[in-house]
Protein backbone atom coordinates (compact mmCIF):
# COMPACT_ATOMS: atom_id res chain seq x y z
CA MET A 1 0.00 0.00 0.00
CA ALA A 2 1.38 3.41 -0.99
CA GLU A 3 1.95 5.94 1.76
CA THR A 4 -0.42 8.91 1.77
CA LYS A 5 1.16 12.22 0.72
CA ILE A 6 0.69 14.80 3.49
CA ASP A 7 0.16 18.33 2.17
CA LYS A 8 0.03 20.12 5.54
CA VAL A 9 0.89 19.19 9.14
CA LEU A 10 -0.95 20.81 12.03
CA ASP A 11 0.71 20.28 15.43
CA VAL A 12 -1.71 21.30 18.18
CA LYS A 13 -0.13 19.26 20.99
CA GLY A 14 -0.73 20.84 24.38
CA MET A 15 -3.82 22.75 23.23
CA VAL A 16 -7.19 21.87 24.75
CA CYS A 17 -10.68 21.95 23.31
CA PRO A 18 -11.92 23.95 21.49
CA LYS A 19 -8.55 25.20 20.16
CA PRO A 20 -7.57 21.98 18.29
CA MET A 21 -10.98 22.01 16.57
CA ILE A 22 -10.72 25.68 15.59
CA GLU A 23 -7.20 25.17 14.22
CA THR A 24 -8.22 22.00 12.33
CA LYS A 25 -11.21 23.72 10.74
CA SER A 26 -9.04 26.65 9.68
CA ALA A 27 -6.36 24.34 8.24
CA LEU A 28 -8.97 22.39 6.26
CA LYS A 29 -10.32 25.62 4.77
CA SER A 30 -6.81 26.56 3.60
CA LEU A 31 -6.39 23.30 1.65
CA GLU A 32 -7.36 22.65 -1.94
CA LYS A 33 -9.88 19.87 -2.55
CA GLY A 34 -8.18 16.48 -2.47
CA GLN A 35 -5.25 17.66 -0.32
CA VAL A 36 -4.36 15.87 2.91
CA LEU A 37 -3.96 17.31 6.41
CA GLN A 38 -2.19 15.60 9.30
CA VAL A 39 -3.31 16.75 12.75
CA ILE A 40 -1.32 15.82 15.86
CA THR A 41 -2.91 16.54 19.24
CA THR A 42 -2.70 15.47 22.88
CA ASP A 43 -6.31 16.37 23.75
CA SER A 44 -8.23 13.07 24.11
CA SER A 45 -11.56 14.80 23.40
CA THR A 46 -10.45 15.14 19.77
CA LYS A 47 -11.07 11.39 19.31
CA HIS A 48 -14.73 12.35 19.04
CA SER A 49 -14.71 16.02 18.07
CA ILE A 50 -12.44 15.84 15.01
CA PRO A 51 -14.42 13.02 13.33
CA GLY A 52 -17.58 15.10 13.92
CA LEU A 53 -15.93 18.17 12.43
CA CYS A 54 -14.83 16.17 9.39
CA GLU A 55 -18.36 14.89 8.87
CA ARG A 56 -19.77 18.43 9.01
CA GLU A 57 -17.04 19.84 6.75
CA GLY A 58 -17.26 17.06 4.16
CA ALA A 59 -13.74 15.78 4.87
CA LYS A 60 -12.67 12.15 5.07
CA ILE A 61 -10.57 10.65 7.86
CA ILE A 62 -8.09 8.36 6.15
CA GLU A 63 -6.38 7.29 9.37
CA MET A 64 -6.72 7.90 13.09
CA LYS A 65 -4.27 6.53 15.62
CA GLU A 66 -3.20 6.96 19.23
CA ASP A 67 0.39 6.51 20.34
CA ALA A 68 1.89 7.45 23.70
CA GLY A 69 -0.76 10.09 24.42
CA ASN A 70 -0.60 11.63 20.94
CA PHE A 71 -3.61 11.41 18.65
CA THR A 72 -2.87 11.62 14.93
CA PHE A 73 -5.49 12.19 12.26
CA ILE A 74 -4.90 11.98 8.50
CA ILE A 75 -7.73 13.93 6.86
CA GLN A 76 -8.47 14.46 3.18
CA LYS A 77 -10.46 17.43 2.00
CA GLN A 78 -13.06 15.88 -0.25
CA LEU A 79 -13.20 16.52 -3.98
CA GLN A 80 -16.90 17.19 -3.76
CA ASN A 81 -19.61 17.56 -1.18
CA THR A 82 -20.45 14.04 -0.02
CA LEU A 83 -23.77 15.06 1.51
CA THR A 84 -26.79 14.36 -0.62
CA THR A 85 -30.10 16.15 -0.60
CA GLU A 86 -32.06 13.37 -2.25
CA HIS A 87 -35.48 12.65 -0.85
CA THR A 88 -37.33 9.40 -1.30
CA GLU A 89 -41.08 9.34 -1.42
CA LYS A 90 -43.29 6.33 -0.80
């Protein structure tokens, strides 16, 4: 398996919520569609908050891991909006 090319690294170790979320959202906005962001944090609440942010922002988590108190997220800014507005009628 080929290693994912990281376009930007965001090191927010030592910051506590909501700062890692704010910084991650800002970093995602600065990326072009399809680019990849690596976020490194020590705030355990990001295990839940960053995946939620990615879902809201239309980004995809490629990898999430925890190692020695560091949480690393590899996030790709999606090429298109993955949310659909289709309605089904019965």
